[in-house]
Amino acid sequence: MDPDEVRAHLIAAARAGVAVTYSEMLAHLGFAFSRPKMRALCAVLTRIDEEAEVRGEPELAVLVVRQSDGLPGQGWWVGRSDYRGQWEGPEAKRFIARVQAETFAYWQSDNGTGEAETAR
């Protein structure tokens, strides 16, 4: 799985203001859904967010969610220091909506990265 391709799909989703399901992301990448492919995707998402943090960009993995409830999977929540609530339910949905809104705003704004993409 190519991290640059995954990142490009996530940036496109952020600019469009939408989240994508794990199945949709795997389909975009040419894979059928399977547990091993999903685990590989999750590892790539972690790497993408680690690199985004170094660049001062908001996280992108928050845009990949479960179809069942629109929330990221357990791996996204583990180790977070900025959230202490349940990983499901209304409180989690509000938190995810806030984090996604920050990601959408960044990629839709006229920041350096967005400006470079617009110029193409």
N, C-alpha and C. Protein backbone atom coordinates (compact mmCIF):
# COMPACT_ATOMS: atom_id res chain seq x y z
N MET A 1 0.85 -1.18 0.00
CA MET A 1 0.00 0.00 0.00
C MET A 1 0.90 1.24 0.00
N ASP A 2 0.69 2.10 -0.94
CA ASP A 2 1.53 3.30 -1.11
C ASP A 2 1.01 4.43 -0.20
N PRO A 3 1.79 4.83 0.80
CA PRO A 3 1.36 5.90 1.70
C PRO A 3 1.05 7.21 0.96
N ASP A 4 1.81 7.52 -0.09
CA ASP A 4 1.54 8.75 -0.84
C ASP A 4 0.18 8.70 -1.53
N GLU A 5 -0.19 7.54 -2.03
CA GLU A 5 -1.50 7.39 -2.67
C GLU A 5 -2.62 7.51 -1.64
N VAL A 6 -2.44 6.87 -0.50
CA VAL A 6 -3.43 6.96 0.58
C VAL A 6 -3.58 8.42 1.01
N ARG A 7 -2.45 9.09 1.21
CA ARG A 7 -2.48 10.50 1.63
C ARG A 7 -3.20 11.36 0.60
N ALA A 8 -2.93 11.13 -0.67
CA ALA A 8 -3.59 11.91 -1.73
C ALA A 8 -5.11 11.72 -1.68
N HIS A 9 -5.56 10.49 -1.46
CA HIS A 9 -7.00 10.24 -1.34
C HIS A 9 -7.58 10.97 -0.12
N LEU A 10 -6.84 10.95 0.97
CA LEU A 10 -7.33 11.61 2.19
C LEU A 10 -7.37 13.13 2.02
N ILE A 11 -6.39 13.69 1.37
CA ILE A 11 -6.40 15.14 1.14
C ILE A 11 -7.57 15.51 0.24
N ALA A 12 -7.84 14.70 -0.77
CA ALA A 12 -9.00 14.95 -1.64
C ALA A 12 -10.29 14.89 -0.84
N ALA A 13 -10.40 13.92 0.05
CA ALA A 13 -11.59 13.81 0.90
C ALA A 13 -11.71 15.03 1.81
N ALA A 14 -10.59 15.45 2.38
CA ALA A 14 -10.61 16.62 3.27
C ALA A 14 -11.05 17.87 2.51
N ARG A 15 -10.54 18.05 1.31
CA ARG A 15 -10.93 19.21 0.51
C ARG A 15 -12.41 19.16 0.14
N ALA A 16 -12.93 17.94 -0.04
CA ALA A 16 -14.35 17.78 -0.35
C ALA A 16 -15.22 17.85 0.90
N GLY A 17 -14.58 17.80 2.07
CA GLY A 17 -15.33 17.87 3.33
C GLY A 17 -16.08 16.60 3.66
N VAL A 18 -15.49 15.45 3.30
CA VAL A 18 -16.16 14.18 3.55
C VAL A 18 -15.21 13.19 4.21
N ALA A 19 -15.79 12.28 4.95
CA ALA A 19 -15.05 11.14 5.48
C ALA A 19 -15.26 9.97 4.52
N VAL A 20 -14.40 8.97 4.62
CA VAL A 20 -14.54 7.76 3.80
C VAL A 20 -14.49 6.55 4.72
N THR A 21 -15.19 5.51 4.33
CA THR A 21 -15.15 4.29 5.14
C THR A 21 -13.89 3.51 4.81
N TYR A 22 -13.56 2.59 5.70
CA TYR A 22 -12.42 1.72 5.45
C TYR A 22 -12.59 0.98 4.13
N SER A 23 -13.79 0.47 3.87
CA SER A 23 -14.06 -0.25 2.62
C SER A 23 -13.89 0.65 1.41
N GLU A 24 -14.38 1.88 1.50
CA GLU A 24 -14.24 2.82 0.38
C GLU A 24 -12.77 3.13 0.11
N MET A 25 -12.00 3.34 1.17
CA MET A 25 -10.58 3.64 0.97
C MET A 25 -9.87 2.46 0.33
N LEU A 26 -10.14 1.26 0.82
CA LEU A 26 -9.52 0.08 0.21
C LEU A 26 -9.93 -0.06 -1.26
N ALA A 27 -11.19 0.21 -1.57
CA ALA A 27 -11.65 0.14 -2.96
C ALA A 27 -10.94 1.18 -3.82
N HIS A 28 -10.76 2.40 -3.30
CA HIS A 28 -10.02 3.44 -4.03
C HIS A 28 -8.61 2.97 -4.37
N LEU A 29 -8.06 2.16 -3.49
CA LEU A 29 -6.69 1.67 -3.66
C LEU A 29 -6.64 0.38 -4.48
N GLY A 30 -7.81 -0.13 -4.87
CA GLY A 30 -7.86 -1.33 -5.71
C GLY A 30 -7.91 -2.64 -4.95
N PHE A 31 -8.30 -2.58 -3.68
CA PHE A 31 -8.35 -3.79 -2.86
C PHE A 31 -9.78 -4.08 -2.42
N ALA A 32 -10.09 -5.35 -2.30
CA ALA A 32 -11.33 -5.75 -1.65
C ALA A 32 -11.10 -5.70 -0.14
N PHE A 33 -12.17 -5.50 0.61
CA PHE A 33 -12.03 -5.44 2.06
C PHE A 33 -11.64 -6.81 2.60
N SER A 34 -10.63 -6.81 3.44
CA SER A 34 -10.25 -7.99 4.21
C SER A 34 -9.57 -7.50 5.47
N ARG A 35 -9.56 -8.30 6.50
CA ARG A 35 -8.92 -7.89 7.76
C ARG A 35 -7.43 -7.60 7.55
N PRO A 36 -6.69 -8.45 6.82
CA PRO A 36 -5.27 -8.13 6.61
C PRO A 36 -5.07 -6.80 5.87
N LYS A 37 -5.88 -6.52 4.87
CA LYS A 37 -5.75 -5.25 4.13
C LYS A 37 -6.12 -4.08 5.03
N MET A 38 -7.13 -4.27 5.88
CA MET A 38 -7.51 -3.20 6.78
C MET A 38 -6.39 -2.92 7.79
N ARG A 39 -5.76 -3.96 8.30
CA ARG A 39 -4.63 -3.76 9.23
C ARG A 39 -3.48 -3.03 8.53
N ALA A 40 -3.23 -3.41 7.27
CA ALA A 40 -2.18 -2.72 6.52
C ALA A 40 -2.53 -1.25 6.32
N LEU A 41 -3.80 -0.98 6.00
CA LEU A 41 -4.25 0.41 5.84
C LEU A 41 -4.07 1.17 7.14
N CYS A 42 -4.43 0.58 8.25
CA CYS A 42 -4.29 1.26 9.55
C CYS A 42 -2.84 1.59 9.85
N ALA A 43 -1.92 0.70 9.51
CA ALA A 43 -0.50 0.98 9.72
C ALA A 43 -0.06 2.17 8.86
N VAL A 44 -0.55 2.23 7.64
CA VAL A 44 -0.22 3.36 6.75
C VAL A 44 -0.82 4.64 7.29
N LEU A 45 -2.04 4.58 7.80
CA LEU A 45 -2.69 5.77 8.36
C LEU A 45 -1.90 6.32 9.55
N THR A 46 -1.39 5.44 10.37
CA THR A 46 -0.57 5.87 11.51
C THR A 46 0.67 6.60 11.01
N ARG A 47 1.32 6.04 10.02
CA ARG A 47 2.52 6.66 9.45
C ARG A 47 2.21 8.03 8.85
N ILE A 48 1.09 8.12 8.13
CA ILE A 48 0.69 9.38 7.50
C ILE A 48 0.47 10.46 8.57
N ASP A 49 -0.20 10.09 9.66
CA ASP A 49 -0.45 11.08 10.71
C ASP A 49 0.83 11.46 11.44
N GLU A 50 1.75 10.53 11.63
CA GLU A 50 3.03 10.86 12.26
C GLU A 50 3.79 11.87 11.40
N GLU A 51 3.79 11.66 10.10
CA GLU A 51 4.48 12.58 9.19
C GLU A 51 3.76 13.93 9.12
N ALA A 52 2.43 13.91 9.18
CA ALA A 52 1.67 15.17 9.17
C ALA A 52 1.99 16.00 10.41
N GLU A 53 2.12 15.34 11.54
CA GLU A 53 2.45 16.06 12.78
C GLU A 53 3.79 16.76 12.65
N VAL A 54 4.77 16.10 12.06
CA VAL A 54 6.09 16.70 11.86
C VAL A 54 5.99 17.93 10.97
N ARG A 55 5.09 17.89 9.97
CA ARG A 55 4.92 19.02 9.05
C ARG A 55 4.00 20.10 9.60
N GLY A 56 3.40 19.86 10.75
CA GLY A 56 2.47 20.83 11.34
C GLY A 56 1.09 20.79 10.70
N GLU A 57 0.75 19.68 10.07
CA GLU A 57 -0.56 19.53 9.44
C GLU A 57 -1.49 18.77 10.38
N PRO A 58 -2.80 18.96 10.22
CA PRO A 58 -3.74 18.19 11.04
C PRO A 58 -3.75 16.73 10.59
N GLU A 59 -4.23 15.89 11.48
CA GLU A 59 -4.29 14.47 11.16
C GLU A 59 -5.29 14.19 10.04
N LEU A 60 -5.01 13.16 9.26
CA LEU A 60 -5.89 12.76 8.16
C LEU A 60 -6.60 11.44 8.45
N ALA A 61 -6.01 10.59 9.29
CA ALA A 61 -6.61 9.28 9.57
C ALA A 61 -8.01 9.38 10.15
N VAL A 62 -8.31 10.50 10.78
CA VAL A 62 -9.64 10.71 11.37
C VAL A 62 -10.74 10.68 10.30
N LEU A 63 -10.36 10.82 9.05
CA LEU A 63 -11.34 10.81 7.97
C LEU A 63 -11.72 9.41 7.53
N VAL A 64 -11.02 8.39 8.02
CA VAL A 64 -11.34 7.01 7.67
C VAL A 64 -12.15 6.42 8.82
N VAL A 65 -13.38 6.04 8.51
CA VAL A 65 -14.34 5.67 9.55
C VAL A 65 -15.04 4.35 9.23
N ARG A 66 -15.65 3.80 10.27
CA ARG A 66 -16.47 2.59 10.09
C ARG A 66 -17.78 2.97 9.42
N GLN A 67 -18.25 2.13 8.56
CA GLN A 67 -19.53 2.36 7.90
C GLN A 67 -20.67 2.32 8.91
N SER A 68 -20.54 1.50 9.93
CA SER A 68 -21.63 1.28 10.88
C SER A 68 -21.98 2.52 11.69
N ASP A 69 -20.98 3.31 12.09
CA ASP A 69 -21.30 4.44 12.96
C ASP A 69 -20.56 5.74 12.60
N GLY A 70 -19.75 5.71 11.55
CA GLY A 70 -19.06 6.93 11.14
C GLY A 70 -17.92 7.34 12.04
N LEU A 71 -17.41 6.42 12.84
CA LEU A 71 -16.30 6.71 13.75
C LEU A 71 -15.07 5.90 13.36
N PRO A 72 -13.89 6.43 13.66
CA PRO A 72 -12.67 5.65 13.40
C PRO A 72 -12.65 4.40 14.28
N GLY A 73 -11.86 3.43 13.87
CA GLY A 73 -11.72 2.20 14.64
C GLY A 73 -10.88 2.39 15.88
N GLN A 74 -10.81 1.35 16.66
CA GLN A 74 -10.13 1.38 17.96
C GLN A 74 -8.70 1.86 17.86
N GLY A 75 -7.97 1.46 16.85
CA GLY A 75 -6.57 1.84 16.72
C GLY A 75 -6.36 3.35 16.69
N TRP A 76 -7.33 4.06 16.14
CA TRP A 76 -7.21 5.53 16.07
C TRP A 76 -7.28 6.14 17.47
N TRP A 77 -8.09 5.54 18.33
CA TRP A 77 -8.32 6.10 19.66
C TRP A 77 -7.21 5.78 20.65
N VAL A 78 -6.54 4.65 20.47
CA VAL A 78 -5.55 4.18 21.44
C VAL A 78 -4.41 5.19 21.56
N GLY A 79 -4.09 5.52 22.78
CA GLY A 79 -2.95 6.40 23.03
C GLY A 79 -3.23 7.89 22.89
N ARG A 80 -4.46 8.27 22.60
CA ARG A 80 -4.77 9.71 22.46
C ARG A 80 -4.72 10.35 23.84
N SER A 81 -4.07 11.49 23.92
CA SER A 81 -4.02 12.21 25.19
C SER A 81 -5.05 13.34 25.24
N ASP A 82 -5.73 13.59 24.11
CA ASP A 82 -6.67 14.71 24.05
C ASP A 82 -8.13 14.28 24.16
N TYR A 83 -8.37 12.99 24.49
CA TYR A 83 -9.75 12.51 24.63
C TYR A 83 -9.77 11.37 25.64
N ARG A 84 -10.67 11.45 26.58
CA ARG A 84 -10.75 10.43 27.64
C ARG A 84 -12.10 9.72 27.69
N GLY A 85 -13.00 10.01 26.79
CA GLY A 85 -14.34 9.42 26.84
C GLY A 85 -14.42 8.06 26.17
N GLN A 86 -15.65 7.61 26.01
CA GLN A 86 -15.92 6.34 25.31
C GLN A 86 -15.58 6.50 23.83
N TRP A 87 -15.24 5.41 23.17
CA TRP A 87 -14.86 5.44 21.76
C TRP A 87 -16.06 5.29 20.84
N GLU A 88 -17.24 5.24 21.41
CA GLU A 88 -18.49 5.14 20.65
C GLU A 88 -19.52 6.05 21.31
N GLY A 89 -20.58 6.34 20.58
CA GLY A 89 -21.66 7.13 21.17
C GLY A 89 -21.58 8.60 20.85
N PRO A 90 -22.51 9.38 21.41
CA PRO A 90 -22.64 10.80 21.09
C PRO A 90 -21.41 11.64 21.41
N GLU A 91 -20.77 11.39 22.55
CA GLU A 91 -19.58 12.16 22.92
C GLU A 91 -18.46 11.92 21.91
N ALA A 92 -18.26 10.67 21.53
CA ALA A 92 -17.23 10.33 20.54
C ALA A 92 -17.56 10.98 19.20
N LYS A 93 -18.82 10.96 18.81
CA LYS A 93 -19.22 11.58 17.53
C LYS A 93 -18.94 13.09 17.54
N ARG A 94 -19.22 13.75 18.65
CA ARG A 94 -18.94 15.19 18.74
C ARG A 94 -17.44 15.46 18.64
N PHE A 95 -16.65 14.64 19.32
CA PHE A 95 -15.20 14.82 19.27
C PHE A 95 -14.69 14.60 17.84
N ILE A 96 -15.13 13.56 17.19
CA ILE A 96 -14.69 13.27 15.82
C ILE A 96 -15.13 14.39 14.88
N ALA A 97 -16.33 14.89 15.06
CA ALA A 97 -16.81 16.00 14.21
C ALA A 97 -15.89 17.21 14.35
N ARG A 98 -15.44 17.51 15.57
CA ARG A 98 -14.52 18.64 15.80
C ARG A 98 -13.17 18.41 15.12
N VAL A 99 -12.62 17.22 15.29
CA VAL A 99 -11.31 16.93 14.71
C VAL A 99 -11.40 16.93 13.18
N GLN A 100 -12.47 16.34 12.65
CA GLN A 100 -12.65 16.34 11.20
C GLN A 100 -12.84 17.76 10.68
N ALA A 101 -13.57 18.59 11.40
CA ALA A 101 -13.79 19.98 10.97
C ALA A 101 -12.45 20.73 10.89
N GLU A 102 -11.55 20.48 11.83
CA GLU A 102 -10.22 21.11 11.78
C GLU A 102 -9.46 20.65 10.54
N THR A 103 -9.54 19.36 10.24
CA THR A 103 -8.86 18.81 9.06
C THR A 103 -9.45 19.39 7.79
N PHE A 104 -10.78 19.43 7.71
CA PHE A 104 -11.44 20.01 6.53
C PHE A 104 -11.03 21.47 6.35
N ALA A 105 -11.07 22.24 7.43
CA ALA A 105 -10.76 23.67 7.35
C ALA A 105 -9.33 23.89 6.87
N TYR A 106 -8.41 23.10 7.37
CA TYR A 106 -7.01 23.26 6.96
C TYR A 106 -6.84 23.01 5.46
N TRP A 107 -7.38 21.90 4.97
CA TRP A 107 -7.17 21.54 3.57
C TRP A 107 -8.03 22.35 2.61
N GLN A 108 -9.08 23.00 3.13
CA GLN A 108 -9.92 23.85 2.28
C GLN A 108 -9.46 25.30 2.33
N SER A 109 -8.55 25.63 3.23
CA SER A 109 -8.09 27.01 3.39
C SER A 109 -6.97 27.32 2.40
N ASP A 110 -6.59 28.56 2.40
CA ASP A 110 -5.54 29.03 1.50
C ASP A 110 -4.19 28.94 2.21
N ASN A 111 -3.90 27.76 2.79
CA ASN A 111 -2.59 27.58 3.42
C ASN A 111 -1.57 27.20 2.35
N GLY A 112 -0.33 27.10 2.73
CA GLY A 112 0.72 26.81 1.76
C GLY A 112 0.48 25.56 0.93
N THR A 113 0.09 24.47 1.57
CA THR A 113 -0.12 23.23 0.85
C THR A 113 -1.33 23.33 -0.07
N GLY A 114 -2.40 23.87 0.44
CA GLY A 114 -3.61 24.01 -0.39
C GLY A 114 -3.39 24.93 -1.58
N GLU A 115 -2.61 25.99 -1.35
CA GLU A 115 -2.32 26.93 -2.43
C GLU A 115 -1.50 26.26 -3.53
N ALA A 116 -0.54 25.43 -3.14
CA ALA A 116 0.28 24.72 -4.12
C ALA A 116 -0.57 23.77 -4.94
N GLU A 117 -1.51 23.12 -4.29
CA GLU A 117 -2.39 22.19 -5.01
C GLU A 117 -3.31 22.94 -5.96
N THR A 118 -3.79 24.11 -5.54
CA THR A 118 -4.70 24.90 -6.38
C THR A 118 -4.01 25.41 -7.62
N ALA A 119 -2.73 25.69 -7.51
CA ALA A 119 -1.98 26.26 -8.63
C ALA A 119 -1.77 25.28 -9.78
N ARG A 120 -1.95 24.00 -9.50
CA ARG A 120 -1.74 22.99 -10.56
C ARG A 120 -2.79 23.05 -11.62
